[in-house]
């Protein structure tokens, strides 16, 4: 019997959700909700403030957790997100770039790499978030070169 296949024939793994340890939940919620347009869909508030939450925007979800204040946690060297990148495959990365600018964020200027428009923002803890969408524009092109 192959134990790697579900008995029903239906997929067993349905979604992968990044789980970020954050240093200040309020600051992270402001970035993800006000800046990136996520919605808070679930939260855990055992002591009257959010310590864990689930955020969603369209087909993407993330979880955030601030270390418990009443229990010591191992110290981190640098920011929690140091070296962590998440890539979102989108229909229109340029539209997201413009949206993020209008929400007060500082995304990188979109450029074409590997046949994709790419823009990037970094959250308050150093997590790198890349937004990419397919294009047939020449490799290495930056948005300002074709819109100015």
N, C-alpha and C. Protein backbone atom coordinates (compact mmCIF):
# COMPACT_ATOMS: atom_id res chain seq x y z
N UNK A 1 0.84 -1.18 0.00
CA UNK A 1 0.00 0.00 0.00
C UNK A 1 0.89 1.24 0.00
N UNK A 2 0.60 2.19 -0.88
CA UNK A 2 1.35 3.44 -0.95
C UNK A 2 0.76 4.42 0.07
N UNK A 3 1.52 4.69 1.13
CA UNK A 3 1.02 5.58 2.18
C UNK A 3 1.17 7.05 1.83
N UNK A 4 1.75 7.37 0.68
CA UNK A 4 1.90 8.76 0.27
C UNK A 4 0.69 9.29 -0.49
N UNK A 5 -0.25 8.44 -0.86
CA UNK A 5 -1.43 8.87 -1.60
C UNK A 5 -2.65 8.79 -0.68
N UNK A 6 -3.48 9.84 -0.68
CA UNK A 6 -4.71 9.78 0.11
C UNK A 6 -5.62 8.66 -0.40
N UNK A 7 -6.35 8.04 0.50
CA UNK A 7 -7.22 6.93 0.13
C UNK A 7 -8.37 7.38 -0.77
N UNK A 8 -8.80 8.61 -0.67
CA UNK A 8 -9.95 9.09 -1.44
C UNK A 8 -9.60 9.46 -2.87
N UNK A 9 -8.33 9.58 -3.20
CA UNK A 9 -7.94 10.04 -4.50
C UNK A 9 -7.91 11.56 -4.61
N UNK A 10 -8.42 12.25 -3.60
CA UNK A 10 -8.41 13.71 -3.55
C UNK A 10 -7.07 14.18 -2.99
N UNK A 11 -6.64 15.38 -3.40
CA UNK A 11 -5.39 15.92 -2.83
C UNK A 11 -5.50 16.03 -1.31
N UNK A 12 -4.44 15.74 -0.64
CA UNK A 12 -4.42 15.85 0.82
C UNK A 12 -3.86 17.20 1.26
N UNK A 13 -2.80 17.66 0.61
CA UNK A 13 -2.22 18.95 0.96
C UNK A 13 -2.95 20.02 0.16
N UNK A 14 -3.57 20.98 0.86
CA UNK A 14 -4.41 21.96 0.20
C UNK A 14 -3.79 23.33 0.08
N UNK A 15 -2.87 23.68 0.97
CA UNK A 15 -2.34 25.04 0.96
C UNK A 15 -1.06 25.08 1.80
N UNK A 16 -0.16 25.95 1.41
CA UNK A 16 1.01 26.26 2.21
C UNK A 16 0.86 27.68 2.69
N UNK A 17 1.02 27.91 3.99
CA UNK A 17 0.82 29.24 4.56
C UNK A 17 2.08 29.64 5.32
N UNK A 18 2.75 30.70 4.86
CA UNK A 18 3.92 31.18 5.61
C UNK A 18 3.50 31.60 7.02
N UNK A 19 4.35 31.29 7.98
CA UNK A 19 4.09 31.61 9.38
C UNK A 19 5.27 32.45 9.86
N UNK A 20 5.04 33.76 10.03
CA UNK A 20 6.10 34.69 10.36
C UNK A 20 6.11 35.03 11.85
N UNK A 21 7.26 34.92 12.46
CA UNK A 21 7.46 35.43 13.81
C UNK A 21 7.72 36.92 13.66
N UNK A 22 6.96 37.75 14.36
CA UNK A 22 7.08 39.20 14.23
C UNK A 22 7.47 39.82 15.57
N UNK A 23 8.14 40.95 15.50
CA UNK A 23 8.61 41.59 16.73
C UNK A 23 7.57 42.52 17.35
N UNK A 24 6.65 43.05 16.55
CA UNK A 24 5.62 43.96 17.05
C UNK A 24 4.34 43.74 16.24
N UNK A 25 3.39 43.04 16.82
CA UNK A 25 2.17 42.67 16.09
C UNK A 25 1.44 43.89 15.53
N UNK A 26 1.29 44.94 16.31
CA UNK A 26 0.56 46.12 15.82
C UNK A 26 1.21 46.69 14.56
N UNK A 27 2.52 46.79 14.56
CA UNK A 27 3.25 47.32 13.40
C UNK A 27 3.08 46.40 12.19
N UNK A 28 3.15 45.09 12.42
CA UNK A 28 2.99 44.13 11.33
C UNK A 28 1.57 44.15 10.77
N UNK A 29 0.57 44.24 11.65
CA UNK A 29 -0.81 44.31 11.18
C UNK A 29 -1.04 45.56 10.34
N UNK A 30 -0.46 46.67 10.74
CA UNK A 30 -0.59 47.90 9.96
C UNK A 30 0.01 47.70 8.57
N UNK A 31 1.19 47.08 8.49
CA UNK A 31 1.85 46.85 7.21
C UNK A 31 1.02 45.93 6.32
N UNK A 32 0.57 44.79 6.86
CA UNK A 32 -0.13 43.81 6.04
C UNK A 32 -1.56 44.20 5.70
N UNK A 33 -2.27 44.81 6.64
CA UNK A 33 -3.67 45.19 6.39
C UNK A 33 -3.75 46.52 5.66
N UNK A 34 -3.15 47.57 6.23
CA UNK A 34 -3.24 48.90 5.62
C UNK A 34 -2.35 49.02 4.38
N UNK A 35 -1.18 48.40 4.41
CA UNK A 35 -0.24 48.51 3.30
C UNK A 35 -0.48 47.54 2.17
N UNK A 36 -0.61 46.26 2.48
CA UNK A 36 -0.75 45.24 1.44
C UNK A 36 -2.19 44.85 1.15
N UNK A 37 -3.13 45.29 1.97
CA UNK A 37 -4.54 45.02 1.70
C UNK A 37 -5.05 43.67 2.17
N UNK A 38 -4.35 43.03 3.09
CA UNK A 38 -4.83 41.77 3.67
C UNK A 38 -6.02 42.04 4.59
N UNK A 39 -6.81 41.01 4.85
CA UNK A 39 -7.90 41.07 5.82
C UNK A 39 -7.59 40.12 6.97
N UNK A 40 -7.88 40.55 8.17
CA UNK A 40 -7.71 39.72 9.37
C UNK A 40 -8.88 38.75 9.42
N UNK A 41 -8.62 37.44 9.29
CA UNK A 41 -9.72 36.47 9.24
C UNK A 41 -9.78 35.56 10.47
N UNK A 42 -8.71 35.54 11.27
CA UNK A 42 -8.72 34.75 12.49
C UNK A 42 -7.66 35.32 13.41
N UNK A 43 -7.91 35.25 14.71
CA UNK A 43 -6.93 35.78 15.65
C UNK A 43 -7.03 35.05 16.98
N UNK A 44 -5.96 35.12 17.74
CA UNK A 44 -5.88 34.51 19.07
C UNK A 44 -5.47 35.62 20.03
N UNK A 45 -6.33 35.89 21.01
CA UNK A 45 -6.12 36.98 21.96
C UNK A 45 -6.27 36.47 23.40
N UNK A 46 -5.42 35.57 23.85
CA UNK A 46 -5.61 34.99 25.19
C UNK A 46 -5.42 35.99 26.33
N UNK A 47 -4.72 37.08 26.09
CA UNK A 47 -4.48 38.07 27.15
C UNK A 47 -5.00 39.46 26.75
N UNK A 48 -5.97 39.51 25.83
CA UNK A 48 -6.59 40.77 25.48
C UNK A 48 -5.94 41.53 24.34
N UNK A 49 -4.94 40.97 23.71
CA UNK A 49 -4.31 41.57 22.53
C UNK A 49 -3.93 40.43 21.59
N UNK A 50 -3.80 40.74 20.31
CA UNK A 50 -3.53 39.71 19.30
C UNK A 50 -2.10 39.19 19.46
N UNK A 51 -1.99 37.88 19.67
CA UNK A 51 -0.67 37.25 19.74
C UNK A 51 -0.39 36.38 18.51
N UNK A 52 -1.46 35.92 17.86
CA UNK A 52 -1.37 35.13 16.63
C UNK A 52 -2.53 35.54 15.75
N UNK A 53 -2.31 35.53 14.43
CA UNK A 53 -3.43 35.82 13.54
C UNK A 53 -3.21 35.16 12.18
N UNK A 54 -4.31 35.05 11.45
CA UNK A 54 -4.36 34.53 10.08
C UNK A 54 -4.88 35.68 9.23
N UNK A 55 -4.16 36.01 8.17
CA UNK A 55 -4.53 37.09 7.27
C UNK A 55 -4.71 36.52 5.87
N UNK A 56 -5.67 37.06 5.12
CA UNK A 56 -5.91 36.60 3.76
C UNK A 56 -6.09 37.77 2.81
N UNK A 57 -5.61 37.57 1.60
CA UNK A 57 -5.90 38.47 0.49
C UNK A 57 -5.99 37.61 -0.75
N UNK A 58 -7.17 37.60 -1.37
CA UNK A 58 -7.42 36.81 -2.56
C UNK A 58 -6.98 35.37 -2.29
N UNK A 59 -6.07 34.81 -3.08
CA UNK A 59 -5.67 33.42 -2.90
C UNK A 59 -4.50 33.21 -1.96
N UNK A 60 -4.08 34.25 -1.25
CA UNK A 60 -2.90 34.13 -0.38
C UNK A 60 -3.30 34.26 1.09
N UNK A 61 -2.59 33.54 1.93
CA UNK A 61 -2.79 33.63 3.37
C UNK A 61 -1.42 33.63 4.05
N UNK A 62 -1.34 34.28 5.20
CA UNK A 62 -0.15 34.24 6.04
C UNK A 62 -0.60 34.19 7.49
N UNK A 63 0.28 33.70 8.33
CA UNK A 63 0.06 33.73 9.77
C UNK A 63 1.17 34.56 10.39
N UNK A 64 0.82 35.34 11.40
CA UNK A 64 1.78 36.13 12.15
C UNK A 64 1.68 35.76 13.62
N UNK A 65 2.81 35.71 14.30
CA UNK A 65 2.80 35.48 15.74
C UNK A 65 3.88 36.29 16.40
N UNK A 66 3.48 36.99 17.44
CA UNK A 66 4.43 37.72 18.27
C UNK A 66 4.79 36.81 19.44
N UNK A 67 6.08 36.71 19.78
CA UNK A 67 6.44 35.85 20.92
C UNK A 67 5.69 36.27 22.17
N UNK A 68 5.32 35.30 22.98
CA UNK A 68 4.59 35.59 24.22
C UNK A 68 5.45 36.43 25.14
N UNK A 69 4.85 37.44 25.68
CA UNK A 69 5.57 38.35 26.57
C UNK A 69 5.85 37.74 27.93
N UNK A 70 5.04 36.74 28.32
CA UNK A 70 5.20 36.14 29.65
C UNK A 70 6.10 34.91 29.65
N UNK A 71 6.62 34.53 28.49
CA UNK A 71 7.51 33.36 28.40
C UNK A 71 8.75 33.76 27.62
N UNK A 72 9.91 33.43 28.13
CA UNK A 72 11.13 33.77 27.39
C UNK A 72 11.21 32.96 26.08
N UNK A 73 11.67 33.63 25.05
CA UNK A 73 11.88 32.96 23.77
C UNK A 73 13.35 33.11 23.40
N UNK A 74 13.86 32.17 22.63
CA UNK A 74 15.26 32.29 22.23
C UNK A 74 15.50 33.59 21.47
N UNK A 75 16.58 34.28 21.78
CA UNK A 75 16.84 35.53 21.06
C UNK A 75 17.18 35.26 19.60
N UNK A 76 16.83 36.21 18.77
CA UNK A 76 17.16 36.13 17.35
C UNK A 76 18.30 37.09 17.06
N UNK A 77 19.18 36.69 16.19
CA UNK A 77 20.20 37.61 15.73
C UNK A 77 19.63 38.36 14.55
N UNK A 78 19.58 39.68 14.63
CA UNK A 78 19.00 40.47 13.55
C UNK A 78 17.49 40.39 13.57
N UNK A 79 16.89 40.77 12.47
CA UNK A 79 15.43 40.75 12.35
C UNK A 79 14.95 39.33 12.13
N UNK A 80 13.71 39.00 12.58
CA UNK A 80 13.18 37.64 12.39
C UNK A 80 13.15 37.19 10.94
N UNK A 81 12.89 38.10 10.00
CA UNK A 81 12.76 37.72 8.59
C UNK A 81 14.04 37.68 7.80
N UNK A 82 15.15 37.88 8.46
CA UNK A 82 16.44 37.93 7.77
C UNK A 82 16.64 36.67 6.93
N UNK A 83 16.79 36.85 5.62
CA UNK A 83 17.04 35.73 4.73
C UNK A 83 15.80 35.00 4.23
N UNK A 84 14.60 35.45 4.63
CA UNK A 84 13.36 34.78 4.22
C UNK A 84 12.68 35.59 3.12
N UNK A 85 12.32 34.90 2.04
CA UNK A 85 11.60 35.53 0.93
C UNK A 85 10.37 34.70 0.59
N UNK A 86 9.29 35.39 0.28
CA UNK A 86 8.06 34.76 -0.19
C UNK A 86 7.76 35.38 -1.55
N UNK A 87 7.44 34.55 -2.53
CA UNK A 87 7.13 35.04 -3.87
C UNK A 87 5.66 34.77 -4.17
N UNK A 88 4.94 35.82 -4.55
CA UNK A 88 3.53 35.73 -4.93
C UNK A 88 3.45 35.72 -6.45
N UNK A 89 2.80 34.74 -7.02
CA UNK A 89 2.55 34.71 -8.46
C UNK A 89 1.22 35.41 -8.68
N UNK A 90 1.22 36.46 -9.48
CA UNK A 90 0.07 37.35 -9.64
C UNK A 90 -0.33 37.48 -11.10
N UNK A 91 -1.48 38.06 -11.32
CA UNK A 91 -1.91 38.39 -12.68
C UNK A 91 -1.28 39.69 -13.13
N UNK A 92 -1.09 40.67 -12.20
CA UNK A 92 -0.60 41.98 -12.59
C UNK A 92 0.23 42.60 -11.46
N UNK A 93 1.52 42.34 -11.47
CA UNK A 93 2.42 42.85 -10.44
C UNK A 93 2.53 44.37 -10.51
N UNK A 94 2.40 44.94 -11.70
CA UNK A 94 2.49 46.39 -11.84
C UNK A 94 1.31 47.06 -11.14
N UNK A 95 0.12 46.50 -11.25
CA UNK A 95 -1.05 47.05 -10.55
C UNK A 95 -0.83 46.99 -9.04
N UNK A 96 -0.24 45.90 -8.55
CA UNK A 96 0.05 45.81 -7.12
C UNK A 96 1.10 46.84 -6.71
N UNK A 97 2.11 47.03 -7.53
CA UNK A 97 3.13 48.06 -7.27
C UNK A 97 2.46 49.41 -7.07
N UNK A 98 1.58 49.77 -7.98
CA UNK A 98 0.89 51.07 -7.90
C UNK A 98 -0.02 51.14 -6.68
N UNK A 99 -0.70 50.04 -6.38
CA UNK A 99 -1.55 50.00 -5.19
C UNK A 99 -0.72 50.19 -3.93
N UNK A 100 0.40 49.49 -3.83
CA UNK A 100 1.24 49.59 -2.63
C UNK A 100 1.79 51.00 -2.47
N UNK A 101 2.17 51.65 -3.59
CA UNK A 101 2.61 53.05 -3.52
C UNK A 101 1.49 53.93 -2.96
N UNK A 102 0.27 53.71 -3.43
CA UNK A 102 -0.86 54.54 -2.98
C UNK A 102 -1.19 54.31 -1.51
N UNK A 103 -0.77 53.18 -0.97
CA UNK A 103 -1.00 52.86 0.44
C UNK A 103 0.17 53.29 1.33
N UNK A 104 1.14 53.99 0.74
CA UNK A 104 2.24 54.53 1.53
C UNK A 104 3.44 53.62 1.69
N UNK A 105 3.48 52.51 0.96
CA UNK A 105 4.63 51.61 1.02
C UNK A 105 5.68 52.05 0.00
N UNK A 106 6.85 51.43 0.06
CA UNK A 106 7.94 51.75 -0.86
C UNK A 106 8.40 50.50 -1.61
N UNK A 107 7.56 49.99 -2.52
CA UNK A 107 7.98 48.82 -3.30
C UNK A 107 9.08 49.20 -4.27
N UNK A 108 9.86 48.21 -4.68
CA UNK A 108 10.89 48.47 -5.69
C UNK A 108 10.23 48.70 -7.04
N UNK A 109 10.91 49.45 -7.90
CA UNK A 109 10.39 49.67 -9.24
C UNK A 109 10.32 48.32 -9.95
N UNK A 110 9.18 48.02 -10.57
CA UNK A 110 9.07 46.76 -11.30
C UNK A 110 10.13 46.65 -12.41
N UNK A 111 10.66 45.44 -12.55
CA UNK A 111 11.61 45.12 -13.61
C UNK A 111 11.26 43.74 -14.14
N UNK A 112 11.77 43.43 -15.33
CA UNK A 112 11.51 42.12 -15.91
C UNK A 112 12.69 41.20 -15.64
N UNK A 113 12.42 40.10 -15.00
CA UNK A 113 13.41 39.05 -14.73
C UNK A 113 12.78 37.69 -14.93
N UNK A 114 13.42 36.84 -15.67
CA UNK A 114 12.92 35.49 -15.95
C UNK A 114 11.53 35.50 -16.58
N UNK A 115 11.28 36.49 -17.45
CA UNK A 115 9.98 36.57 -18.13
C UNK A 115 8.85 37.03 -17.23
N UNK A 116 9.19 37.67 -16.11
CA UNK A 116 8.18 38.11 -15.14
C UNK A 116 8.43 39.56 -14.74
N UNK A 117 7.34 40.35 -14.61
CA UNK A 117 7.46 41.63 -13.92
C UNK A 117 7.64 41.32 -12.46
N UNK A 118 8.59 41.98 -11.80
CA UNK A 118 8.90 41.72 -10.39
C UNK A 118 8.95 43.03 -9.63
N UNK A 119 8.21 43.11 -8.53
CA UNK A 119 8.34 44.20 -7.57
C UNK A 119 8.44 43.58 -6.18
N UNK A 120 9.07 44.29 -5.27
CA UNK A 120 9.35 43.71 -3.96
C UNK A 120 9.13 44.75 -2.87
N UNK A 121 8.60 44.29 -1.73
CA UNK A 121 8.52 45.10 -0.51
C UNK A 121 9.09 44.27 0.62
N UNK A 122 9.57 44.95 1.64
CA UNK A 122 10.09 44.28 2.83
C UNK A 122 9.23 44.68 4.01
N UNK A 123 8.79 43.68 4.78
CA UNK A 123 7.94 43.99 5.92
C UNK A 123 8.78 44.53 7.08
N UNK A 124 8.15 44.99 8.17
CA UNK A 124 8.90 45.61 9.26
C UNK A 124 9.93 44.69 9.93
N UNK A 125 9.78 43.38 9.79
CA UNK A 125 10.73 42.44 10.39
C UNK A 125 11.74 41.90 9.40
N UNK A 126 11.76 42.41 8.18
CA UNK A 126 12.77 42.00 7.21
C UNK A 126 12.37 40.88 6.29
N UNK A 127 11.09 40.43 6.32
CA UNK A 127 10.64 39.42 5.37
C UNK A 127 10.51 40.07 4.00
N UNK A 128 11.12 39.48 2.98
CA UNK A 128 11.08 40.00 1.61
C UNK A 128 9.90 39.39 0.87
N UNK A 129 9.03 40.24 0.35
CA UNK A 129 7.84 39.79 -0.35
C UNK A 129 7.95 40.23 -1.81
N UNK A 130 7.98 39.26 -2.71
CA UNK A 130 8.11 39.51 -4.14
C UNK A 130 6.77 39.24 -4.81
N UNK A 131 6.37 40.12 -5.71
CA UNK A 131 5.13 39.98 -6.46
C UNK A 131 5.51 39.93 -7.93
N UNK A 132 5.12 38.84 -8.62
CA UNK A 132 5.57 38.59 -9.99
C UNK A 132 4.39 38.24 -10.88
N UNK A 133 4.48 38.71 -12.14
CA UNK A 133 3.46 38.35 -13.13
C UNK A 133 4.12 38.17 -14.49
N UNK A 134 3.61 37.22 -15.29
CA UNK A 134 4.20 36.93 -16.60
C UNK A 134 4.15 38.13 -17.55
N UNK A 135 5.17 38.23 -18.41
CA UNK A 135 5.22 39.27 -19.42
C UNK A 135 6.06 38.80 -20.60
N UNK A 136 5.86 39.45 -21.73
CA UNK A 136 6.72 39.19 -22.89
C UNK A 136 7.63 40.39 -23.14
N UNK A 137 7.68 41.33 -22.20
CA UNK A 137 8.56 42.49 -22.29
C UNK A 137 10.01 42.00 -22.14
N UNK A 138 10.93 42.69 -22.82
CA UNK A 138 12.34 42.29 -22.84
C UNK A 138 12.94 42.20 -21.43
N UNK A 139 13.71 41.16 -21.24
CA UNK A 139 14.42 40.91 -19.99
C UNK A 139 15.22 42.15 -19.57
N UNK A 140 15.15 42.50 -18.29
CA UNK A 140 15.91 43.62 -17.76
C UNK A 140 15.22 44.97 -17.87
N UNK A 141 14.08 45.02 -18.53
CA UNK A 141 13.35 46.29 -18.68
C UNK A 141 12.83 46.73 -17.32
N UNK A 142 12.91 48.04 -17.03
CA UNK A 142 12.30 48.60 -15.83
C UNK A 142 11.06 49.37 -16.25
N UNK A 143 10.09 49.45 -15.36
CA UNK A 143 8.81 50.06 -15.69
C UNK A 143 8.96 51.49 -16.18
N UNK A 144 9.82 52.28 -15.55
CA UNK A 144 9.96 53.68 -15.94
C UNK A 144 10.48 53.84 -17.38
N UNK A 145 11.15 52.84 -17.91
CA UNK A 145 11.67 52.91 -19.28
C UNK A 145 10.56 52.80 -20.31
N UNK A 146 9.43 52.23 -19.94
CA UNK A 146 8.36 52.07 -20.92
C UNK A 146 7.16 52.96 -20.62
N UNK A 147 7.17 53.66 -19.47
CA UNK A 147 6.03 54.52 -19.13
C UNK A 147 6.38 56.00 -19.14
N UNK A 148 7.65 56.33 -19.36
CA UNK A 148 8.01 57.76 -19.33
C UNK A 148 7.93 58.40 -20.69
